N, C-alpha and C. Protein backbone atom coordinates (compact mmCIF):
# COMPACT_ATOMS: atom_id res chain seq x y z
N MET A 1 -26.15 24.48 -138.29
CA MET A 1 -25.73 25.05 -139.56
C MET A 1 -25.75 23.95 -140.63
N ASN A 2 -26.17 24.32 -141.81
CA ASN A 2 -26.28 23.37 -142.92
C ASN A 2 -25.05 23.51 -143.82
N HIS A 3 -24.28 22.46 -143.92
CA HIS A 3 -23.05 22.46 -144.72
C HIS A 3 -23.23 21.77 -146.06
N THR A 4 -24.45 21.53 -146.45
CA THR A 4 -24.75 20.77 -147.66
C THR A 4 -24.10 21.38 -148.90
N LYS A 5 -24.17 22.70 -149.05
CA LYS A 5 -23.60 23.34 -150.25
C LYS A 5 -22.09 23.12 -150.32
N GLU A 6 -21.39 23.26 -149.21
CA GLU A 6 -19.93 23.05 -149.20
C GLU A 6 -19.59 21.62 -149.57
N ILE A 7 -20.35 20.68 -149.04
CA ILE A 7 -20.12 19.27 -149.33
C ILE A 7 -20.39 18.99 -150.80
N ARG A 8 -21.53 19.47 -151.30
CA ARG A 8 -21.88 19.28 -152.71
C ARG A 8 -20.82 19.88 -153.62
N ASP A 9 -20.36 21.09 -153.30
CA ASP A 9 -19.34 21.75 -154.12
C ASP A 9 -18.05 20.94 -154.13
N PHE A 10 -17.65 20.38 -152.99
CA PHE A 10 -16.45 19.55 -152.93
C PHE A 10 -16.60 18.32 -153.82
N ILE A 11 -17.75 17.66 -153.75
CA ILE A 11 -17.98 16.46 -154.55
C ILE A 11 -17.96 16.81 -156.04
N ILE A 12 -18.64 17.88 -156.42
CA ILE A 12 -18.70 18.30 -157.82
C ILE A 12 -17.30 18.64 -158.34
N THR A 13 -16.55 19.37 -157.57
CA THR A 13 -15.22 19.80 -158.01
C THR A 13 -14.23 18.65 -158.08
N ASN A 14 -14.25 17.76 -157.10
CA ASN A 14 -13.20 16.75 -156.98
C ASN A 14 -13.54 15.39 -157.57
N PHE A 15 -14.82 15.08 -157.75
CA PHE A 15 -15.17 13.74 -158.20
C PHE A 15 -15.95 13.69 -159.51
N ILE A 16 -16.74 14.72 -159.77
CA ILE A 16 -17.46 14.71 -161.04
C ILE A 16 -17.04 15.88 -161.92
N PHE A 17 -15.91 16.46 -161.55
CA PHE A 17 -15.19 17.42 -162.36
C PHE A 17 -16.05 18.53 -162.94
N GLY A 18 -16.81 19.15 -162.04
CA GLY A 18 -17.58 20.32 -162.42
C GLY A 18 -18.94 20.04 -163.03
N ASP A 19 -19.31 18.77 -163.18
CA ASP A 19 -20.60 18.42 -163.78
C ASP A 19 -21.70 18.50 -162.71
N ALA A 20 -22.09 19.72 -162.39
CA ALA A 20 -23.07 19.94 -161.33
C ALA A 20 -24.40 19.25 -161.60
N ALA A 21 -24.73 19.05 -162.87
CA ALA A 21 -26.00 18.41 -163.22
C ALA A 21 -26.07 16.98 -162.69
N ALA A 22 -24.93 16.35 -162.49
CA ALA A 22 -24.91 14.97 -161.98
C ALA A 22 -25.45 14.88 -160.56
N LEU A 23 -25.41 15.98 -159.82
CA LEU A 23 -25.93 15.98 -158.45
C LEU A 23 -27.07 16.96 -158.23
N GLN A 24 -27.43 17.72 -159.23
CA GLN A 24 -28.45 18.74 -159.05
C GLN A 24 -29.74 18.13 -158.54
N ASP A 25 -30.20 18.62 -157.42
CA ASP A 25 -31.44 18.17 -156.78
C ASP A 25 -31.41 16.66 -156.47
N LYS A 26 -30.23 16.10 -156.30
CA LYS A 26 -30.09 14.68 -156.03
C LYS A 26 -29.18 14.45 -154.83
N ASP A 27 -29.42 15.14 -153.76
CA ASP A 27 -28.55 15.05 -152.59
C ASP A 27 -28.65 13.71 -151.87
N ASP A 28 -29.58 12.85 -152.29
CA ASP A 28 -29.68 11.51 -151.71
C ASP A 28 -29.00 10.46 -152.58
N THR A 29 -28.40 10.85 -153.69
CA THR A 29 -27.73 9.92 -154.58
C THR A 29 -26.57 9.24 -153.86
N SER A 30 -26.55 7.92 -153.90
CA SER A 30 -25.46 7.16 -153.28
C SER A 30 -24.17 7.38 -154.05
N PHE A 31 -23.14 7.82 -153.36
CA PHE A 31 -21.84 8.01 -154.00
C PHE A 31 -21.28 6.68 -154.50
N LEU A 32 -21.42 5.64 -153.70
CA LEU A 32 -20.85 4.34 -154.03
C LEU A 32 -21.65 3.65 -155.14
N ASP A 33 -22.97 3.59 -154.99
CA ASP A 33 -23.80 2.90 -155.99
C ASP A 33 -23.74 3.57 -157.36
N SER A 34 -23.62 4.89 -157.38
CA SER A 34 -23.60 5.62 -158.65
C SER A 34 -22.19 5.72 -159.24
N GLY A 35 -21.19 5.28 -158.47
CA GLY A 35 -19.82 5.32 -158.97
C GLY A 35 -19.17 6.69 -158.86
N ILE A 36 -19.78 7.60 -158.14
CA ILE A 36 -19.21 8.94 -157.98
C ILE A 36 -17.92 8.88 -157.17
N ILE A 37 -17.93 8.08 -156.10
CA ILE A 37 -16.78 7.95 -155.21
C ILE A 37 -16.49 6.48 -155.01
N ASP A 38 -15.20 6.13 -155.05
CA ASP A 38 -14.78 4.77 -154.71
C ASP A 38 -14.15 4.80 -153.32
N SER A 39 -13.54 3.72 -152.90
CA SER A 39 -13.01 3.66 -151.54
C SER A 39 -11.89 4.68 -151.32
N THR A 40 -11.08 4.92 -152.33
CA THR A 40 -10.02 5.93 -152.20
C THR A 40 -10.64 7.32 -152.10
N GLY A 41 -11.65 7.56 -152.90
CA GLY A 41 -12.35 8.84 -152.84
C GLY A 41 -13.01 9.08 -151.50
N MET A 42 -13.46 8.00 -150.87
CA MET A 42 -14.07 8.13 -149.55
C MET A 42 -13.04 8.66 -148.55
N LEU A 43 -11.79 8.20 -148.67
CA LEU A 43 -10.73 8.71 -147.80
C LEU A 43 -10.46 10.18 -148.07
N GLU A 44 -10.53 10.59 -149.33
CA GLU A 44 -10.37 12.00 -149.68
C GLU A 44 -11.48 12.84 -149.04
N LEU A 45 -12.71 12.32 -149.09
CA LEU A 45 -13.84 13.01 -148.48
C LEU A 45 -13.63 13.15 -146.97
N VAL A 46 -13.18 12.09 -146.33
CA VAL A 46 -12.92 12.13 -144.89
C VAL A 46 -11.85 13.17 -144.57
N MET A 47 -10.78 13.19 -145.35
CA MET A 47 -9.71 14.19 -145.11
C MET A 47 -10.25 15.61 -145.29
N PHE A 48 -11.08 15.82 -146.31
CA PHE A 48 -11.69 17.14 -146.53
C PHE A 48 -12.50 17.56 -145.31
N LEU A 49 -13.34 16.66 -144.82
CA LEU A 49 -14.18 16.98 -143.67
C LEU A 49 -13.34 17.28 -142.43
N GLU A 50 -12.33 16.46 -142.19
CA GLU A 50 -11.48 16.66 -141.01
C GLU A 50 -10.74 17.99 -141.08
N GLN A 51 -10.19 18.31 -142.24
CA GLN A 51 -9.43 19.54 -142.38
C GLN A 51 -10.31 20.78 -142.40
N THR A 52 -11.43 20.69 -143.09
CA THR A 52 -12.32 21.84 -143.23
C THR A 52 -13.04 22.18 -141.94
N TYR A 53 -13.47 21.17 -141.21
CA TYR A 53 -14.30 21.40 -140.04
C TYR A 53 -13.60 21.09 -138.72
N ASP A 54 -12.29 20.82 -138.79
CA ASP A 54 -11.48 20.58 -137.60
C ASP A 54 -12.11 19.52 -136.69
N ILE A 55 -12.41 18.37 -137.31
CA ILE A 55 -12.97 17.25 -136.57
C ILE A 55 -12.10 16.02 -136.81
N LYS A 56 -12.29 14.99 -136.02
CA LYS A 56 -11.63 13.71 -136.20
C LYS A 56 -12.72 12.67 -136.45
N ILE A 57 -12.66 12.03 -137.61
CA ILE A 57 -13.62 10.98 -137.93
C ILE A 57 -12.97 9.65 -137.59
N GLU A 58 -13.58 8.93 -136.69
CA GLU A 58 -13.06 7.65 -136.22
C GLU A 58 -13.32 6.57 -137.27
N PRO A 59 -12.48 5.53 -137.29
CA PRO A 59 -12.68 4.44 -138.26
C PRO A 59 -14.08 3.85 -138.24
N GLU A 60 -14.67 3.70 -137.07
CA GLU A 60 -16.01 3.12 -136.98
C GLU A 60 -17.10 4.04 -137.51
N GLU A 61 -16.76 5.31 -137.72
CA GLU A 61 -17.72 6.26 -138.29
C GLU A 61 -17.67 6.30 -139.82
N MET A 62 -16.66 5.65 -140.40
CA MET A 62 -16.48 5.66 -141.86
C MET A 62 -17.32 4.55 -142.49
N VAL A 63 -18.62 4.74 -142.42
CA VAL A 63 -19.58 3.77 -142.94
C VAL A 63 -20.55 4.47 -143.89
N PRO A 64 -21.15 3.72 -144.82
CA PRO A 64 -22.09 4.34 -145.77
C PRO A 64 -23.22 5.12 -145.10
N GLU A 65 -23.65 4.68 -143.94
CA GLU A 65 -24.74 5.39 -143.25
C GLU A 65 -24.36 6.84 -142.96
N ASN A 66 -23.06 7.13 -142.87
CA ASN A 66 -22.59 8.49 -142.57
C ASN A 66 -22.05 9.23 -143.79
N LEU A 67 -21.58 8.51 -144.80
CA LEU A 67 -20.78 9.17 -145.82
C LEU A 67 -21.18 8.86 -147.26
N ASP A 68 -22.36 8.31 -147.50
CA ASP A 68 -22.68 7.83 -148.85
C ASP A 68 -23.61 8.72 -149.68
N SER A 69 -23.84 9.94 -149.28
CA SER A 69 -24.59 10.90 -150.09
C SER A 69 -24.36 12.28 -149.50
N VAL A 70 -24.69 13.29 -150.26
CA VAL A 70 -24.55 14.66 -149.75
C VAL A 70 -25.37 14.82 -148.47
N ASN A 71 -26.61 14.34 -148.47
CA ASN A 71 -27.46 14.48 -147.29
C ASN A 71 -26.91 13.71 -146.09
N LYS A 72 -26.43 12.49 -146.33
CA LYS A 72 -25.89 11.69 -145.22
C LYS A 72 -24.65 12.34 -144.62
N VAL A 73 -23.78 12.87 -145.48
CA VAL A 73 -22.59 13.54 -144.98
C VAL A 73 -22.98 14.79 -144.20
N GLY A 74 -23.93 15.55 -144.72
CA GLY A 74 -24.39 16.75 -144.02
C GLY A 74 -24.97 16.44 -142.66
N GLN A 75 -25.78 15.41 -142.58
CA GLN A 75 -26.38 15.02 -141.29
C GLN A 75 -25.31 14.52 -140.32
N PHE A 76 -24.40 13.71 -140.82
CA PHE A 76 -23.31 13.21 -139.99
C PHE A 76 -22.47 14.37 -139.47
N LEU A 77 -22.12 15.29 -140.35
CA LEU A 77 -21.30 16.43 -139.97
C LEU A 77 -22.01 17.28 -138.92
N SER A 78 -23.30 17.49 -139.08
CA SER A 78 -24.05 18.27 -138.07
C SER A 78 -24.00 17.60 -136.71
N ARG A 79 -24.21 16.26 -136.69
CA ARG A 79 -24.14 15.52 -135.42
C ARG A 79 -22.73 15.60 -134.82
N LYS A 80 -21.73 15.44 -135.66
CA LYS A 80 -20.34 15.45 -135.21
C LYS A 80 -19.96 16.80 -134.65
N LEU A 81 -20.33 17.87 -135.33
CA LEU A 81 -20.02 19.21 -134.85
C LEU A 81 -20.76 19.54 -133.56
N ALA A 82 -22.00 19.08 -133.46
CA ALA A 82 -22.78 19.32 -132.23
C ALA A 82 -22.13 18.59 -131.05
N LYS A 83 -21.69 17.36 -131.29
CA LYS A 83 -21.03 16.58 -130.24
C LYS A 83 -19.72 17.23 -129.83
N THR A 84 -18.96 17.71 -130.82
CA THR A 84 -17.68 18.37 -130.53
C THR A 84 -17.91 19.65 -129.75
N ALA A 85 -18.92 20.42 -130.13
CA ALA A 85 -19.24 21.66 -129.42
C ALA A 85 -19.69 21.37 -127.99
N GLY A 86 -20.43 20.30 -127.81
CA GLY A 86 -20.90 19.92 -126.49
C GLY A 86 -19.78 19.46 -125.57
N ALA A 87 -18.73 18.90 -126.16
CA ALA A 87 -17.61 18.39 -125.38
C ALA A 87 -16.64 19.51 -125.00
N ALA A 88 -16.72 20.64 -125.68
CA ALA A 88 -15.78 21.73 -125.43
C ALA A 88 -16.12 22.51 -124.20
């Protein structure tokens, strides 16, 4: 399942305050490099993912490779959910 829209909507609502044009067709935009999310915002994103998708994100998973763009978060979430489903 592709959760990209939910992730994008969360970022637009909580970090760029409804300015959808800032991310339109730019799902590879780095949150950190572009200043969309800072370190505190990254924790907010992690809490959103954990609460919304009933997952636990480990400290070692909180790296830019997993959480620094809409696409990276979507791919990470898909892997995490698949792993969780496989363990159940």
